[in-house]
Amino acid sequence: MEMLVADRRNSHTVWAYTTMTIEMQTLQPDTTTTPAFIPQQTQAVVVSVVIPTYKEADNLPHIVPQVSRALAGAKLVHEIILVDDNSQDGSDAIASTLALDFPVRFLCRTTERGLSSAVIHGFKHAVGDVVVCMDADLSHPPDKLPELVHAILTDHADFALGSRYVKGGSTDAQWTLFRHLNSRVATLMARPLTSIRDPMSGFFALKRDRFLAASDLNPIGYKIGLELLVKTGSRNVREVPIHFADRTRGKSKLSARQQWMYVLHLRRLMWYKLTHQSRTSKTVKSR
């Protein structure tokens, strides 16, 4: 199911999005009622921000306006795609209300669940040149979105991510020693796959064409950024310093099961990298 995209700006053109097409319909100004929505402009969408959600109704009225204003302030035409795993917590109604003022699409999945597959689902429905993934709980700072997009469009990075562990990056002051150690160990475990400082980041951007060209996407768990980093063959990676804040609303989805799935995911990615390099080497030798 996909709900109507809506956005109100200084124009009288309405875009009606469906899963298959984008239809355009012209409305006459109505001075007695508030229009359903009027788009930011008739230019092509440049940035698609995908936010996977499950039981995040309390956060949606905060994350959506901040994301839209950050990108609009940088003059980046955008859409926000909320991919919800059938939360049944009122997220759909909240999205409909937000869609009166912001370029929001709400996609509800009823037969599949999981953060990584939700991001892939959203990226496949995106229309922007650049696709971005971020969390719904405001742990990722929306004001850093223009910098991530700039790294892709202007600096021509293959992959850009918000990093806690480069100069200028930081984590919430409430983090415990155990949480710091847990994060660092997880980062070290990914070292055979990449040398970047924060491969655990879930706040990242890349060209949609690069995403679509990736093969064998089969993530488990929640580290979709690492999956895409490896399987898109991204070499020129830009780490943008961010402050990673703890959520203030809703409950964290991180569990011991998710951490075990991360270990399984690493094993799968290492096998992919080993076999992919082997196939590449054989191809080169045969030429």
Protein backbone atom coordinates (compact mmCIF):
# COMPACT_ATOMS: atom_id res chain seq x y z
CA MET A 1 0.00 0.00 0.00
CA GLU A 2 1.27 3.49 -0.81
CA MET A 3 -0.39 6.66 0.31
CA LEU A 4 -0.54 9.94 -1.56
CA VAL A 5 2.48 12.18 -1.59
CA ALA A 6 1.60 15.67 -0.54
CA ASP A 7 3.45 18.96 -0.38
CA ARG A 8 2.15 22.52 -0.09
CA ARG A 9 4.18 25.39 -1.55
CA ASN A 10 3.63 28.55 -3.61
CA SER A 11 2.17 26.92 -6.71
CA HIS A 12 -1.10 25.34 -7.81
CA THR A 13 0.18 22.16 -9.37
CA VAL A 14 -0.53 18.88 -7.62
CA TRP A 15 1.55 15.75 -8.03
CA ALA A 16 -0.28 12.49 -7.37
CA TYR A 17 2.20 9.68 -6.84
CA THR A 18 1.37 6.04 -7.32
CA THR A 19 3.67 3.04 -7.19
CA MET A 20 3.77 2.99 -10.98
CA THR A 21 3.56 6.55 -12.24
CA ILE A 22 3.57 10.20 -11.30
CA GLU A 23 0.44 11.91 -12.52
CA MET A 24 -0.04 15.67 -12.65
CA GLN A 25 -3.30 17.51 -12.13
CA THR A 26 -3.93 21.26 -12.15
CA LEU A 27 -6.16 22.74 -9.48
CA GLN A 28 -7.86 26.12 -9.38
CA PRO A 29 -7.00 28.23 -6.35
CA ASP A 30 -9.51 27.89 -3.53
CA THR A 31 -9.52 30.82 -1.14
CA THR A 32 -12.04 29.23 1.22
CA THR A 33 -10.20 26.01 2.04
CA THR A 34 -6.63 24.87 2.51
CA PRO A 35 -5.43 23.04 -0.63
CA ALA A 36 -4.65 19.33 -0.27
CA PHE A 37 -1.08 20.02 -1.23
CA ILE A 38 0.97 22.17 -3.55
CA PRO A 39 4.47 20.95 -4.45
CA GLN A 40 7.71 22.68 -3.61
CA GLN A 41 8.36 23.14 -7.32
CA THR A 42 7.92 21.37 -10.63
CA GLN A 43 11.58 20.41 -10.95
CA ALA A 44 12.72 16.80 -10.79
CA VAL A 45 13.35 15.35 -7.35
CA VAL A 46 17.06 15.42 -6.51
CA VAL A 47 17.07 13.70 -3.10
CA SER A 48 14.96 10.85 -1.78
CA VAL A 49 15.24 10.37 1.98
CA VAL A 50 14.12 6.91 3.10
CA ILE A 51 13.20 6.50 6.76
CA PRO A 52 12.32 2.96 7.91
CA THR A 53 9.76 2.98 10.70
CA TYR A 54 8.16 0.62 13.18
CA LYS A 55 6.20 2.04 16.10
CA GLU A 56 7.67 5.52 15.51
CA ALA A 57 4.43 7.53 15.52
CA ASP A 58 5.74 9.86 18.24
CA ASN A 59 8.81 10.75 16.18
CA LEU A 60 7.24 11.38 12.78
CA PRO A 61 5.93 14.91 13.55
CA HIS A 62 9.49 15.86 14.52
CA ILE A 63 11.71 14.10 11.97
CA VAL A 64 9.72 14.94 8.82
CA PRO A 65 9.67 18.76 9.21
CA GLN A 66 13.34 18.85 10.20
CA VAL A 67 14.40 16.76 7.21
CA SER A 68 12.34 18.80 4.77
CA ARG A 69 13.48 22.16 6.10
CA ALA A 70 17.15 21.13 6.07
CA LEU A 71 16.95 20.13 2.40
CA ALA A 72 14.71 22.99 1.33
CA GLY A 73 17.12 25.40 3.02
CA ALA A 74 19.87 24.02 0.80
CA LYS A 75 17.56 24.36 -2.24
CA LEU A 76 17.47 20.60 -2.77
CA VAL A 77 14.22 19.31 -4.26
CA HIS A 78 13.34 16.25 -2.26
CA GLU A 79 10.89 13.60 -1.19
CA ILE A 80 10.62 11.76 2.13
CA ILE A 81 9.65 8.09 1.97
CA LEU A 82 8.45 6.49 5.19
CA VAL A 83 8.63 2.70 4.92
CA ASP A 84 6.52 1.29 7.74
CA ASP A 85 6.33 -2.35 8.83
CA ASN A 86 2.62 -2.25 9.62
CA SER A 87 3.06 -0.47 12.94
CA GLN A 88 -0.68 0.03 13.51
CA ASP A 89 0.16 2.86 15.89
CA GLY A 90 -1.38 5.70 13.91
CA SER A 91 1.71 6.34 11.77
CA ASP A 92 -0.38 6.24 8.60
CA ALA A 93 -2.74 8.96 9.83
CA ILE A 94 0.17 11.10 11.03
CA ALA A 95 1.86 10.72 7.65
CA SER A 96 -1.34 11.82 5.91
CA THR A 97 -1.43 14.97 8.01
CA LEU A 98 2.26 15.71 7.45
CA ALA A 99 1.74 15.20 3.73
CA LEU A 100 -0.36 18.36 3.66
CA ASP A 101 2.77 20.41 4.25
CA PHE A 102 5.74 18.23 3.31
CA PRO A 103 6.67 15.94 0.37
CA VAL A 104 5.91 12.66 2.14
CA ARG A 105 5.18 9.20 0.85
CA PHE A 106 4.05 6.45 3.23
CA LEU A 107 4.63 2.84 2.19
CA CYS A 108 3.18 0.21 4.51
CA ARG A 109 4.54 -3.34 4.28
CA THR A 110 2.31 -6.09 5.58
CA THR A 111 4.16 -9.21 4.40
CA GLU A 112 7.74 -8.35 5.28
CA ARG A 113 9.56 -6.85 8.24
CA GLY A 114 13.07 -5.64 9.02
CA LEU A 115 15.06 -2.42 8.79
CA SER A 116 17.42 -3.47 6.01
CA SER A 117 14.75 -4.78 3.67
CA ALA A 118 12.65 -1.69 4.42
CA VAL A 119 15.48 0.57 3.24
CA ILE A 120 15.91 -1.46 0.06
CA HIS A 121 12.15 -1.27 -0.52
CA GLY A 122 12.23 2.49 -0.12
CA PHE A 123 15.24 2.93 -2.40
CA LYS A 124 13.50 0.92 -5.11
CA HIS A 125 10.52 3.30 -4.97
CA ALA A 126 12.67 6.44 -4.83
CA VAL A 127 12.79 8.86 -7.75
CA GLY A 128 15.63 11.14 -6.62
CA ASP A 129 19.12 11.10 -8.12
CA VAL A 130 20.52 10.63 -4.62
CA VAL A 131 19.04 8.23 -2.06
CA VAL A 132 19.58 8.73 1.66
CA CYS A 133 18.86 6.47 4.62
CA MET A 134 18.38 7.76 8.15
CA ASP A 135 16.70 6.69 11.37
CA ALA A 136 13.32 8.00 12.49
CA ASP A 137 14.35 8.66 16.09
CA LEU A 138 16.47 11.79 15.37
CA SER A 139 19.69 10.05 16.38
CA HIS A 140 20.94 11.22 12.98
CA PRO A 141 21.04 15.03 12.64
CA PRO A 142 18.87 16.26 9.74
CA ASP A 143 20.98 19.40 9.39
CA LYS A 144 23.81 17.21 8.05
CA LEU A 145 21.74 16.03 5.08
CA PRO A 146 22.93 18.78 2.69
CA GLU A 147 26.54 17.91 3.49
CA LEU A 148 25.97 14.23 2.68
CA VAL A 149 24.24 15.10 -0.58
CA HIS A 150 26.96 17.63 -1.46
CA ALA A 151 29.59 14.90 -1.03
CA ILE A 152 27.79 12.79 -3.64
CA LEU A 153 26.72 15.44 -6.16
CA THR A 154 29.61 17.93 -5.97
CA ASP A 155 32.57 15.97 -4.65
CA HIS A 156 31.55 12.85 -6.61
CA ALA A 157 31.97 10.44 -3.72
CA ASP A 158 30.65 6.94 -4.34
CA PHE A 159 29.22 6.76 -0.84
CA ALA A 160 28.82 9.32 1.95
CA LEU A 161 27.98 8.55 5.56
CA GLY A 162 27.54 10.31 8.86
CA SER A 163 30.41 9.28 11.11
CA ARG A 164 30.79 9.37 14.88
CA TYR A 165 34.47 8.49 14.75
CA VAL A 166 36.10 11.06 12.48
CA LYS A 167 37.32 14.44 13.69
CA GLY A 168 34.32 16.50 14.73
CA GLY A 169 32.10 13.46 15.29
CA SER A 170 30.70 12.47 18.68
CA THR A 171 28.17 10.32 20.51
CA ASP A 172 25.58 11.11 23.14
CA ALA A 173 27.00 11.90 26.58
CA GLN A 174 24.66 9.29 28.09
CA TRP A 175 26.40 6.41 26.35
CA THR A 176 27.68 3.85 28.85
CA LEU A 177 31.13 2.28 28.74
CA PHE A 178 29.52 -0.98 27.60
CA ARG A 179 27.82 0.74 24.69
CA HIS A 180 31.06 2.40 23.62
CA LEU A 181 32.88 -0.94 23.77
CA ASN A 182 30.08 -2.71 21.93
CA SER A 183 30.24 -0.17 19.10
CA ARG A 184 34.02 -0.29 18.86
CA VAL A 185 34.12 -4.09 18.80
CA ALA A 186 31.46 -4.18 16.07
CA THR A 187 33.54 -1.68 14.08
CA LEU A 188 36.70 -3.77 14.44
CA MET A 189 34.81 -6.87 13.32
CA ALA A 190 33.99 -5.11 10.04
CA ARG A 191 37.63 -4.15 9.39
CA PRO A 192 38.21 -6.98 6.84
CA LEU A 193 35.44 -5.44 4.75
CA THR A 194 36.29 -1.74 4.90
CA SER A 195 38.80 0.64 6.43
CA ILE A 196 36.36 3.51 7.05
CA ARG A 197 36.08 4.74 10.62
CA ASP A 198 32.34 4.18 11.19
CA PRO A 199 31.07 1.30 9.05
CA MET A 200 28.18 0.81 11.49
CA SER A 201 26.57 4.08 10.43
CA GLY A 202 22.93 3.93 9.36
CA PHE A 203 23.01 7.51 8.05
CA PHE A 204 24.30 7.43 4.48
CA ALA A 205 23.80 8.56 0.90
CA LEU A 206 24.67 7.31 -2.58
CA LYS A 207 23.53 7.75 -6.16
CA ARG A 208 20.34 5.86 -6.95
CA ASP A 209 21.96 4.47 -10.10
CA ARG A 210 24.76 2.98 -7.99
CA PHE A 211 22.20 1.33 -5.74
CA LEU A 212 20.25 -0.07 -8.69
CA ALA A 213 23.44 -1.51 -10.19
CA ALA A 214 24.26 -3.48 -7.02
CA SER A 215 23.81 -7.22 -7.23
CA ASP A 216 22.99 -9.92 -4.68
CA LEU A 217 21.57 -7.58 -2.07
CA ASN A 218 20.56 -9.90 0.74
CA PRO A 219 21.01 -8.17 4.10
CA ILE A 220 20.05 -9.59 7.46
CA GLY A 221 19.76 -7.52 10.60
CA TYR A 222 20.05 -3.77 10.59
CA LYS A 223 23.42 -2.81 9.05
CA ILE A 224 22.18 -2.06 5.56
CA GLY A 225 24.82 0.64 5.10
CA LEU A 226 27.61 -1.93 5.36
CA GLU A 227 25.79 -4.21 2.93
CA LEU A 228 25.53 -1.46 0.32
CA LEU A 229 29.06 -0.21 0.94
CA VAL A 230 30.42 -3.66 0.09
CA LYS A 231 28.07 -4.68 -2.70
CA THR A 232 28.05 -1.39 -4.60
CA GLY A 233 31.84 -1.56 -4.82
CA SER A 234 32.15 1.95 -3.38
CA ARG A 235 35.79 3.01 -3.12
CA ASN A 236 35.58 6.78 -2.79
CA VAL A 237 33.83 7.08 0.58
CA ARG A 238 33.29 10.38 2.39
CA GLU A 239 32.73 10.37 6.16
CA VAL A 240 30.88 13.44 7.39
CA PRO A 241 31.25 14.13 11.12
CA ILE A 242 27.98 13.98 13.06
CA HIS A 243 26.79 13.99 16.64
CA PHE A 244 24.89 10.78 17.28
CA ALA A 245 22.11 11.51 19.77
CA ASP A 246 20.14 9.02 21.85
CA ARG A 247 16.44 8.72 21.08
CA THR A 248 14.09 10.61 23.38
CA ARG A 249 10.82 9.04 22.17
CA GLY A 250 9.85 5.44 21.56
CA LYS A 251 11.84 2.29 22.22
CA SER A 252 15.10 1.10 20.69
CA LYS A 253 14.84 -1.94 18.42
CA LEU A 254 18.39 -3.11 19.23
CA SER A 255 18.46 -6.52 20.91
CA ALA A 256 20.77 -9.46 21.50
CA ARG A 257 19.14 -11.16 18.51
CA GLN A 258 19.96 -8.16 16.29
CA GLN A 259 23.58 -8.29 17.42
CA TRP A 260 23.79 -12.00 16.60
CA MET A 261 22.30 -11.29 13.18
CA TYR A 262 25.08 -8.73 12.68
CA VAL A 263 27.65 -11.49 13.20
CA LEU A 264 25.87 -13.66 10.64
CA HIS A 265 25.68 -10.72 8.27
CA LEU A 266 29.43 -10.14 8.56
CA ARG A 267 30.12 -13.77 7.73
CA ARG A 268 27.88 -13.51 4.67
CA LEU A 269 29.55 -10.30 3.49
CA MET A 270 33.04 -11.72 3.96
CA TRP A 271 32.10 -14.75 1.88
CA TYR A 272 30.64 -12.45 -0.79
CA LYS A 273 33.79 -10.35 -0.90
CA LEU A 274 36.03 -13.42 -1.07
CA THR A 275 34.07 -15.08 -3.88
CA HIS A 276 33.54 -11.80 -5.76
CA GLN A 277 37.24 -11.01 -5.72
CA SER A 278 37.95 -14.55 -6.89
CA ARG A 279 35.56 -14.19 -9.84
CA THR A 280 37.02 -10.78 -10.71
CA SER A 281 40.55 -12.17 -10.63
CA LYS A 282 39.62 -15.04 -12.94
CA THR A 283 37.95 -12.63 -15.36
CA VAL A 284 41.05 -10.45 -15.53
CA LYS A 285 43.34 -13.43 -16.12
CA SER A 286 41.15 -14.73 -18.94
CA ARG A 287 41.50 -11.48 -20.92
